[in-house]
Amino acid sequence: MSLLEVANVDTAYGAVAVNRDVSLSVAEGEIATILGPNGAGKSTLMRAICGLLKPKRGRIMLDGHDVTGLPPDRLAKLGVVMVPEGRRIFADLTVRENLRLGAYSREDQGEVEADIGRMESYFSILADKRSAKGGELSGGQQQMLAIARGLMARPRLLLLDEPSLGLSPLMVREVQSVIIDVRKNFGAAVLLVEQNAGLALSVAARGYLMQSGKIVLASAIADLRDSTLMRELYLGGGKRPPIKSRDVETL
């Protein structure tokens, strides 16, 4: 049984349809990615999965239980946590205060301080900056804080929406390493939305290509990487070589 199952989901903002008949799945401990051009509906789908937007049709299942339309706080308690596009850290709070807020939905508050220490141990920059205000951090440091804050909820499924947006190539490589470690060191599955195709293809095992609100291709990552449609969408035609993980800095 998959950890997450999205089945025939439609979403809309008022009368404007966004996602249409979208289905995908994420297995326990898997890294999966949703790729597609701007405006394809990727972030809207993530909002529906984490409870920020109620689908017009279809179901969202977690461990075989229907969680469609549950609010974000309920889903966080069940293990579904999103790190949104743009990071959205609390600029006027310190790094440690931001981390502590990431555990707001947990019932084991006695273990929160130990987990803050664990985040500071893994994200060493956060230990160095623990007393700094979130707004004083660089963009890359804020992204690390946003991911660490999400991990403070001890998620089973971490939703990452455009984590490399606006980052330097060096910080993109850091994010790449962290995404892999989320599964290995923190035991969470990851569903990643990314414009940077090289990054997404280098970390995921399975991918979904979205266009105009629909999933137009779903496959193992090697097949997705080599598909003609993938090359057409990201490289402007099917004649250039397949995307490789080394393209993480240039795409």
C-alpha atoms as a PDB file:
ATOM      1  CA  MET A   1       0.000   0.000   0.000  1.00  0.00           C
ATOM      2  CA  SER A   2       1.265   3.478  -0.874  1.00  0.00           C
ATOM      3  CA  LEU A   3       1.749   6.072   1.816  1.00  0.00           C
ATOM      4  CA  LEU A   4       0.017   8.725  -0.312  1.00  0.00           C
ATOM      5  CA  GLU A   5      -2.569   8.141  -3.002  1.00  0.00           C
ATOM      6  CA  VAL A   6      -4.067  11.014  -4.989  1.00  0.00           C
ATOM      7  CA  ALA A   7      -6.989   9.702  -7.020  1.00  0.00           C
ATOM      8  CA  ASN A   8      -8.734  11.630  -9.824  1.00  0.00           C
ATOM      9  CA  VAL A   9      -8.397  15.002  -8.127  1.00  0.00           C
ATOM     10  CA  ASP A  10      -9.803  18.203  -9.593  1.00  0.00           C
ATOM     11  CA  THR A  11      -9.005  21.583  -8.049  1.00  0.00           C
ATOM     12  CA  ALA A  12     -10.165  25.112  -8.790  1.00  0.00           C
ATOM     13  CA  TYR A  13     -10.028  28.667  -7.524  1.00  0.00           C
ATOM     14  CA  GLY A  14     -13.646  29.716  -7.807  1.00  0.00           C
ATOM     15  CA  ALA A  15     -14.744  29.033 -11.362  1.00  0.00           C
ATOM     16  CA  VAL A  16     -11.167  28.688 -12.639  1.00  0.00           C
ATOM     17  CA  ALA A  17     -10.177  25.025 -12.972  1.00  0.00           C
ATOM     18  CA  VAL A  18      -6.541  24.188 -12.207  1.00  0.00           C
ATOM     19  CA  ASN A  19      -5.967  20.449 -11.758  1.00  0.00           C
ATOM     20  CA  ARG A  20      -7.983  17.937 -13.762  1.00  0.00           C
ATOM     21  CA  ASP A  21      -8.267  14.240 -12.973  1.00  0.00           C
ATOM     22  CA  VAL A  22      -4.843  14.061 -11.309  1.00  0.00           C
ATOM     23  CA  SER A  23      -3.697  10.747  -9.861  1.00  0.00           C
ATOM     24  CA  LEU A  24      -0.316   9.919  -8.317  1.00  0.00           C
ATOM     25  CA  SER A  25       1.194   7.943  -5.473  1.00  0.00           C
ATOM     26  CA  VAL A  26       4.172   8.100  -3.136  1.00  0.00           C
ATOM     27  CA  ALA A  27       5.459   4.983  -1.392  1.00  0.00           C
ATOM     28  CA  GLU A  28       6.760   4.861   2.162  1.00  0.00           C
ATOM     29  CA  GLY A  29      10.310   6.267   2.168  1.00  0.00           C
ATOM     30  CA  GLU A  30      10.198   7.206  -1.531  1.00  0.00           C
ATOM     31  CA  ILE A  31      11.310  10.452  -3.148  1.00  0.00           C
ATOM     32  CA  ALA A  32       8.919  11.376  -5.958  1.00  0.00           C
ATOM     33  CA  THR A  33       8.811  14.546  -8.012  1.00  0.00           C
ATOM     34  CA  ILE A  34       6.262  16.556  -9.970  1.00  0.00           C
ATOM     35  CA  LEU A  35       7.742  18.438 -12.910  1.00  0.00           C
ATOM     36  CA  GLY A  36       6.197  20.833 -15.369  1.00  0.00           C
ATOM     37  CA  PRO A  37       6.264  24.380 -16.694  1.00  0.00           C
ATOM     38  CA  ASN A  38       5.080  27.421 -14.772  1.00  0.00           C
ATOM     39  CA  GLY A  39       1.301  27.463 -14.469  1.00  0.00           C
ATOM     40  CA  ALA A  40       0.954  23.699 -14.853  1.00  0.00           C
ATOM     41  CA  GLY A  41      -0.843  23.366 -11.488  1.00  0.00           C
ATOM     42  CA  LYS A  42       1.929  21.760  -9.454  1.00  0.00           C
ATOM     43  CA  SER A  43       1.790  24.058  -6.419  1.00  0.00           C
ATOM     44  CA  THR A  44      -2.017  24.011  -6.397  1.00  0.00           C
ATOM     45  CA  LEU A  45      -1.935  20.228  -6.183  1.00  0.00           C
ATOM     46  CA  MET A  46       0.491  20.441  -3.251  1.00  0.00           C
ATOM     47  CA  ARG A  47      -1.884  22.853  -1.499  1.00  0.00           C
ATOM     48  CA  ALA A  48      -4.678  20.317  -1.898  1.00  0.00           C
ATOM     49  CA  ILE A  49      -2.550  17.470  -0.527  1.00  0.00           C
ATOM     50  CA  CYS A  50      -1.580  19.429   2.600  1.00  0.00           C
ATOM     51  CA  GLY A  51      -5.115  20.682   3.261  1.00  0.00           C
ATOM     52  CA  LEU A  52      -4.802  24.325   2.222  1.00  0.00           C
ATOM     53  CA  LEU A  53      -7.233  23.818  -0.665  1.00  0.00           C
ATOM     54  CA  LYS A  54     -10.188  21.427  -0.762  1.00  0.00           C
ATOM     55  CA  PRO A  55     -10.427  19.436  -3.997  1.00  0.00           C
ATOM     56  CA  LYS A  56     -13.553  19.822  -6.108  1.00  0.00           C
ATOM     57  CA  ARG A  57     -13.485  16.109  -6.915  1.00  0.00           C
ATOM     58  CA  GLY A  58     -11.439  13.021  -6.154  1.00  0.00           C
ATOM     59  CA  ARG A  59      -9.779  11.623  -3.052  1.00  0.00           C
ATOM     60  CA  ILE A  60      -6.537  12.008  -1.154  1.00  0.00           C
ATOM     61  CA  MET A  61      -5.594   8.910   0.832  1.00  0.00           C
ATOM     62  CA  LEU A  62      -2.943   8.518   3.523  1.00  0.00           C
ATOM     63  CA  ASP A  63      -2.132   4.951   4.551  1.00  0.00           C
ATOM     64  CA  GLY A  64      -5.409   3.875   2.981  1.00  0.00           C
ATOM     65  CA  HIS A  65      -7.491   6.398   4.955  1.00  0.00           C
ATOM     66  CA  ASP A  66      -9.417   9.165   3.237  1.00  0.00           C
ATOM     67  CA  VAL A  67      -7.981  12.527   4.371  1.00  0.00           C
ATOM     68  CA  THR A  68      -9.545  14.648   1.621  1.00  0.00           C
ATOM     69  CA  GLY A  69     -10.312  18.133   2.862  1.00  0.00           C
ATOM     70  CA  LEU A  70      -8.790  17.744   6.325  1.00  0.00           C
ATOM     71  CA  PRO A  71      -7.264  21.026   7.570  1.00  0.00           C
ATOM     72  CA  PRO A  72      -3.465  21.439   7.610  1.00  0.00           C
ATOM     73  CA  ASP A  73      -3.147  21.080  11.388  1.00  0.00           C
ATOM     74  CA  ARG A  74      -4.931  17.709  11.331  1.00  0.00           C
ATOM     75  CA  LEU A  75      -2.809  16.521   8.432  1.00  0.00           C
ATOM     76  CA  ALA A  76       0.363  17.681  10.198  1.00  0.00           C
ATOM     77  CA  LYS A  77      -0.552  15.507  13.162  1.00  0.00           C
ATOM     78  CA  LEU A  78      -0.976  12.604  10.726  1.00  0.00           C
ATOM     79  CA  GLY A  79       2.486  13.279   9.297  1.00  0.00           C
ATOM     80  CA  VAL A  80       1.879  15.398   6.176  1.00  0.00           C
ATOM     81  CA  VAL A  81       3.956  18.595   6.289  1.00  0.00           C
ATOM     82  CA  MET A  82       4.670  21.128   3.549  1.00  0.00           C
ATOM     83  CA  VAL A  83       7.654  23.437   3.131  1.00  0.00           C
ATOM     84  CA  PRO A  84       6.079  26.101   0.896  1.00  0.00           C
ATOM     85  CA  GLU A  85       7.520  27.989  -2.025  1.00  0.00           C
ATOM     86  CA  GLY A  86       9.273  31.144  -0.846  1.00  0.00           C
ATOM     87  CA  ARG A  87      10.257  29.540   2.487  1.00  0.00           C
ATOM     88  CA  ARG A  88       7.938  31.750   4.608  1.00  0.00           C
ATOM     89  CA  ILE A  89      10.011  31.634   7.735  1.00  0.00           C
ATOM     90  CA  PHE A  90       9.116  34.036  10.556  1.00  0.00           C
ATOM     91  CA  ALA A  91      11.479  36.934   9.897  1.00  0.00           C
ATOM     92  CA  ASP A  92      11.147  38.532  13.356  1.00  0.00           C
ATOM     93  CA  LEU A  93      11.707  35.290  15.293  1.00  0.00           C
ATOM     94  CA  THR A  94      15.053  33.671  15.998  1.00  0.00           C
ATOM     95  CA  VAL A  95      16.203  30.498  14.310  1.00  0.00           C
ATOM     96  CA  ARG A  96      15.457  28.461  17.435  1.00  0.00           C
ATOM     97  CA  GLU A  97      12.004  30.029  17.769  1.00  0.00           C
ATOM     98  CA  ASN A  98      11.257  29.156  14.154  1.00  0.00           C
ATOM     99  CA  LEU A  99      12.311  25.567  14.810  1.00  0.00           C
ATOM    100  CA  ARG A 100      10.196  25.353  17.935  1.00  0.00           C
ATOM    101  CA  LEU A 101       7.117  26.517  16.005  1.00  0.00           C
ATOM    102  CA  GLY A 102       7.654  23.645  13.580  1.00  0.00           C
ATOM    103  CA  ALA A 103       6.702  21.267  16.393  1.00  0.00           C
ATOM    104  CA  TYR A 104       3.462  23.046  17.318  1.00  0.00           C
ATOM    105  CA  SER A 105       1.279  20.067  16.354  1.00  0.00           C
ATOM    106  CA  ARG A 106       3.266  17.493  18.300  1.00  0.00           C
ATOM    107  CA  GLU A 107       2.014  15.979  21.530  1.00  0.00           C
ATOM    108  CA  ASP A 108       5.467  14.940  22.800  1.00  0.00           C
ATOM    109  CA  GLN A 109       6.587  18.462  23.685  1.00  0.00           C
ATOM    110  CA  GLY A 110       9.174  17.079  26.108  1.00  0.00           C
ATOM    111  CA  GLU A 111      11.215  15.825  23.136  1.00  0.00           C
ATOM    112  CA  VAL A 112      11.097  19.041  21.128  1.00  0.00           C
ATOM    113  CA  GLU A 113      14.273  20.506  22.594  1.00  0.00           C
ATOM    114  CA  ALA A 114      16.179  17.325  21.757  1.00  0.00           C
ATOM    115  CA  ASP A 115      14.958  17.551  18.165  1.00  0.00           C
ATOM    116  CA  ILE A 116      16.056  21.189  17.952  1.00  0.00           C
ATOM    117  CA  GLY A 117      19.512  19.949  18.938  1.00  0.00           C
ATOM    118  CA  ARG A 118      19.297  17.291  16.251  1.00  0.00           C
ATOM    119  CA  MET A 119      18.452  19.904  13.611  1.00  0.00           C
ATOM    120  CA  GLU A 120      21.321  22.091  14.759  1.00  0.00           C
ATOM    121  CA  SER A 121      23.643  19.106  14.584  1.00  0.00           C
ATOM    122  CA  TYR A 122      22.602  18.265  11.027  1.00  0.00           C
ATOM    123  CA  PHE A 123      22.168  21.838   9.734  1.00  0.00           C
ATOM    124  CA  SER A 124      25.342  23.281  11.273  1.00  0.00           C
ATOM    125  CA  ILE A 125      24.602  26.759   9.952  1.00  0.00           C
ATOM    126  CA  LEU A 126      21.489  26.820  12.137  1.00  0.00           C
ATOM    127  CA  ALA A 127      23.585  26.156  15.224  1.00  0.00           C
ATOM    128  CA  ASP A 128      25.875  29.026  14.270  1.00  0.00           C
ATOM    129  CA  LYS A 129      22.870  31.292  13.705  1.00  0.00           C
ATOM    130  CA  ARG A 130      20.561  30.007  16.457  1.00  0.00           C
ATOM    131  CA  SER A 131      20.061  33.463  18.001  1.00  0.00           C
ATOM    132  CA  ALA A 132      19.798  35.353  14.712  1.00  0.00           C
ATOM    133  CA  LYS A 133      16.445  36.564  13.440  1.00  0.00           C
ATOM    134  CA  GLY A 134      15.078  34.633  10.481  1.00  0.00           C
ATOM    135  CA  GLY A 135      15.079  37.776   8.374  1.00  0.00           C
ATOM    136  CA  GLU A 136      18.827  38.176   8.894  1.00  0.00           C
ATOM    137  CA  LEU A 137      19.644  34.884   7.161  1.00  0.00           C
ATOM    138  CA  SER A 138      20.649  34.542   3.518  1.00  0.00           C
ATOM    139  CA  GLY A 139      18.211  32.940   1.085  1.00  0.00           C
ATOM    140  CA  GLY A 140      20.006  29.602   1.284  1.00  0.00           C
ATOM    141  CA  GLN A 141      20.112  29.691   5.071  1.00  0.00           C
ATOM    142  CA  GLN A 142      16.405  30.500   5.164  1.00  0.00           C
ATOM    143  CA  GLN A 143      15.701  27.481   2.944  1.00  0.00           C
ATOM    144  CA  MET A 144      17.646  25.218   5.293  1.00  0.00           C
ATOM    145  CA  LEU A 145      15.680  26.676   8.212  1.00  0.00           C
ATOM    146  CA  ALA A 146      12.386  26.098   6.387  1.00  0.00           C
ATOM    147  CA  ILE A 147      13.244  22.445   5.729  1.00  0.00           C
ATOM    148  CA  ALA A 148      14.461  21.934   9.302  1.00  0.00           C
ATOM    149  CA  ARG A 149      11.285  23.557  10.631  1.00  0.00           C
ATOM    150  CA  GLY A 150       9.247  21.118   8.539  1.00  0.00           C
ATOM    151  CA  LEU A 151      11.256  18.189   9.902  1.00  0.00           C
ATOM    152  CA  MET A 152      10.543  19.352  13.462  1.00  0.00           C
ATOM    153  CA  ALA A 153       7.008  18.033  12.954  1.00  0.00           C
ATOM    154  CA  ARG A 154       8.496  14.536  12.448  1.00  0.00           C
ATOM    155  CA  PRO A 155       6.685  14.096   9.109  1.00  0.00           C
ATOM    156  CA  ARG A 156       6.066  10.834   7.356  1.00  0.00           C
ATOM    157  CA  LEU A 157       5.585  12.764   4.115  1.00  0.00           C
ATOM    158  CA  LEU A 158       7.441  16.031   3.475  1.00  0.00           C
ATOM    159  CA  LEU A 159       6.091  18.175   0.642  1.00  0.00           C
ATOM    160  CA  LEU A 160       8.765  20.464  -0.818  1.00  0.00           C
ATOM    161  CA  ASP A 161       7.530  23.220  -3.134  1.00  0.00           C
ATOM    162  CA  GLU A 162      10.317  24.758  -5.249  1.00  0.00           C
ATOM    163  CA  PRO A 163      13.087  24.470  -2.614  1.00  0.00           C
ATOM    164  CA  SER A 164      15.831  25.626  -5.011  1.00  0.00           C
ATOM    165  CA  LEU A 165      14.009  28.775  -6.131  1.00  0.00           C
ATOM    166  CA  GLY A 166      16.332  31.785  -6.152  1.00  0.00           C
ATOM    167  CA  LEU A 167      19.335  29.911  -4.774  1.00  0.00           C
ATOM    168  CA  SER A 168      22.908  29.941  -6.059  1.00  0.00           C
ATOM    169  CA  PRO A 169      24.306  26.778  -7.717  1.00  0.00           C
ATOM    170  CA  LEU A 170      26.282  26.043  -4.545  1.00  0.00           C
ATOM    171  CA  MET A 171      23.153  26.206  -2.384  1.00  0.00           C
ATOM    172  CA  VAL A 172      21.220  24.112  -4.910  1.00  0.00           C
ATOM    173  CA  ARG A 173      23.772  21.353  -4.370  1.00  0.00           C
ATOM    174  CA  GLU A 174      23.267  21.704  -0.610  1.00  0.00           C
ATOM    175  CA  VAL A 175      19.499  21.368  -1.038  1.00  0.00           C
ATOM    176  CA  GLN A 176      20.047  18.329  -3.261  1.00  0.00           C
ATOM    177  CA  SER A 177      22.031  16.624  -0.496  1.00  0.00           C
ATOM    178  CA  VAL A 178      19.457  17.523   2.163  1.00  0.00           C
ATOM    179  CA  ILE A 179      16.554  16.089   0.154  1.00  0.00           C
ATOM    180  CA  ILE A 180      18.338  12.749  -0.137  1.00  0.00           C
ATOM    181  CA  ASP A 181      19.115  12.805   3.585  1.00  0.00           C
ATOM    182  CA  VAL A 182      15.500  13.537   4.545  1.00  0.00           C
ATOM    183  CA  ARG A 183      14.686   9.972   3.574  1.00  0.00           C
ATOM    184  CA  LYS A 184      17.904   8.403   4.823  1.00  0.00           C
ATOM    185  CA  ASN A 185      18.354  10.233   8.138  1.00  0.00           C
ATOM    186  CA  PHE A 186      14.852  11.374   9.039  1.00  0.00           C
ATOM    187  CA  GLY A 187      12.742   8.499   7.699  1.00  0.00           C
ATOM    188  CA  ALA A 188      10.332  10.617   5.658  1.00  0.00           C
ATOM    189  CA  ALA A 189       9.048  10.205   2.144  1.00  0.00           C
ATOM    190  CA  VAL A 190       9.351  13.295  -0.051  1.00  0.00           C
ATOM    191  CA  LEU A 191       7.103  14.726  -2.746  1.00  0.00           C
ATOM    192  CA  LEU A 192       9.084  17.411  -4.553  1.00  0.00           C
ATOM    193  CA  VAL A 193       7.838  20.123  -6.903  1.00  0.00           C
ATOM    194  CA  GLU A 194      10.722  21.696  -8.818  1.00  0.00           C
ATOM    195  CA  GLN A 195      11.374  23.908 -11.827  1.00  0.00           C
ATOM    196  CA  ASN A 196      15.005  22.770 -11.693  1.00  0.00           C
ATOM    197  CA  ALA A 197      14.640  19.523 -13.625  1.00  0.00           C
ATOM    198  CA  GLY A 198      18.256  18.513 -13.048  1.00  0.00           C
ATOM    199  CA  LEU A 199      17.817  18.693  -9.280  1.00  0.00           C
ATOM    200  CA  ALA A 200      14.532  16.807  -9.292  1.00  0.00           C
ATOM    201  CA  LEU A 201      15.747  14.047 -11.595  1.00  0.00           C
ATOM    202  CA  SER A 202      18.924  13.561  -9.575  1.00  0.00           C
ATOM    203  CA  VAL A 203      17.143  12.814  -6.281  1.00  0.00           C
ATOM    204  CA  ALA A 204      13.808  11.187  -7.160  1.00  0.00           C
ATOM    205  CA  ALA A 205      12.999   7.564  -7.911  1.00  0.00           C
ATOM    206  CA  ARG A 206       9.710   8.293  -9.641  1.00  0.00           C
ATOM    207  CA  GLY A 207       8.400  11.308 -11.510  1.00  0.00           C
ATOM    208  CA  TYR A 208       5.207  12.858 -12.777  1.00  0.00           C
ATOM    209  CA  LEU A 209       5.172  15.342 -15.635  1.00  0.00           C
ATOM    210  CA  MET A 210       2.337  17.867 -15.432  1.00  0.00           C
ATOM    211  CA  GLN A 211       1.050  20.106 -18.194  1.00  0.00           C
ATOM    212  CA  SER A 212      -2.064  22.308 -18.205  1.00  0.00           C
ATOM    213  CA  GLY A 213      -3.277  20.853 -14.916  1.00  0.00           C
ATOM    214  CA  LYS A 214      -2.987  17.202 -15.957  1.00  0.00           C
ATOM    215  CA  ILE A 215      -0.436  14.438 -15.426  1.00  0.00           C
ATOM    216  CA  VAL A 216       0.764  13.714 -18.959  1.00  0.00           C
ATOM    217  CA  LEU A 217       3.528  11.246 -18.072  1.00  0.00           C
ATOM    218  CA  ALA A 218       4.230   9.086 -15.000  1.00  0.00           C
ATOM    219  CA  SER A 219       7.189   6.728 -14.823  1.00  0.00           C
ATOM    220  CA  ALA A 220      10.361   5.640 -13.115  1.00  0.00           C
ATOM    221  CA  ILE A 221      12.822   8.505 -13.159  1.00  0.00           C
ATOM    222  CA  ALA A 222      15.152   6.977 -15.776  1.00  0.00           C
ATOM    223  CA  ASP A 223      12.292   6.634 -18.254  1.00  0.00           C
ATOM    224  CA  LEU A 224      11.054  10.139 -17.478  1.00  0.00           C
ATOM    225  CA  ARG A 225      14.535  11.601 -17.970  1.00  0.00           C
ATOM    226  CA  ASP A 226      14.879  10.034 -21.403  1.00  0.00           C
ATOM    227  CA  SER A 227      11.360  10.760 -22.658  1.00  0.00           C
ATOM    228  CA  THR A 228      10.842  12.904 -25.741  1.00  0.00           C
ATOM    229  CA  LEU A 229       8.076  14.879 -24.041  1.00  0.00           C
ATOM    230  CA  MET A 230      10.383  15.731 -21.141  1.00  0.00           C
ATOM    231  CA  ARG A 231      13.053  17.025 -23.494  1.00  0.00           C
ATOM    232  CA  GLU A 232      10.491  19.030 -25.462  1.00  0.00           C
ATOM    233  CA  LEU A 233       9.139  20.756 -22.352  1.00  0.00           C
ATOM    234  CA  TYR A 234      12.500  21.510 -20.751  1.00  0.00           C
ATOM    235  CA  LEU A 235      14.911  21.756 -23.653  1.00  0.00           C
ATOM    236  CA  GLY A 236      12.736  23.176 -26.409  1.00  0.00           C
ATOM    237  CA  GLY A 237      12.769  20.085 -28.606  1.00  0.00           C
ATOM    238  CA  GLY A 238      13.629  16.426 -28.726  1.00  0.00           C
ATOM    239  CA  LYS A 239      17.046  16.672 -30.392  1.00  0.00           C
ATOM    240  CA  ARG A 240      19.300  17.503 -27.443  1.00  0.00           C
ATOM    241  CA  PRO A 241      20.774  14.832 -25.154  1.00  0.00           C
ATOM    242  CA  PRO A 242      18.683  13.509 -22.223  1.00  0.00           C
ATOM    243  CA  ILE A 243      18.811  15.496 -18.985  1.00  0.00           C
ATOM    244  CA  LYS A 244      21.435  14.172 -16.588  1.00  0.00           C
ATOM    245  CA  SER A 245      21.877  14.769 -12.879  1.00  0.00           C
ATOM    246  CA  ARG A 246      24.967  16.876 -13.581  1.00  0.00           C
ATOM    247  CA  ASP A 247      22.658  19.457 -15.200  1.00  0.00           C
ATOM    248  CA  VAL A 248      21.461  20.454 -11.723  1.00  0.00           C
ATOM    249  CA  GLU A 249      23.256  23.808 -11.966  1.00  0.00           C
ATOM    250  CA  THR A 250      22.130  24.803 -15.423  1.00  0.00           C
ATOM    251  CA  LEU A 251      18.482  23.883 -15.851  1.00  0.00           C
END
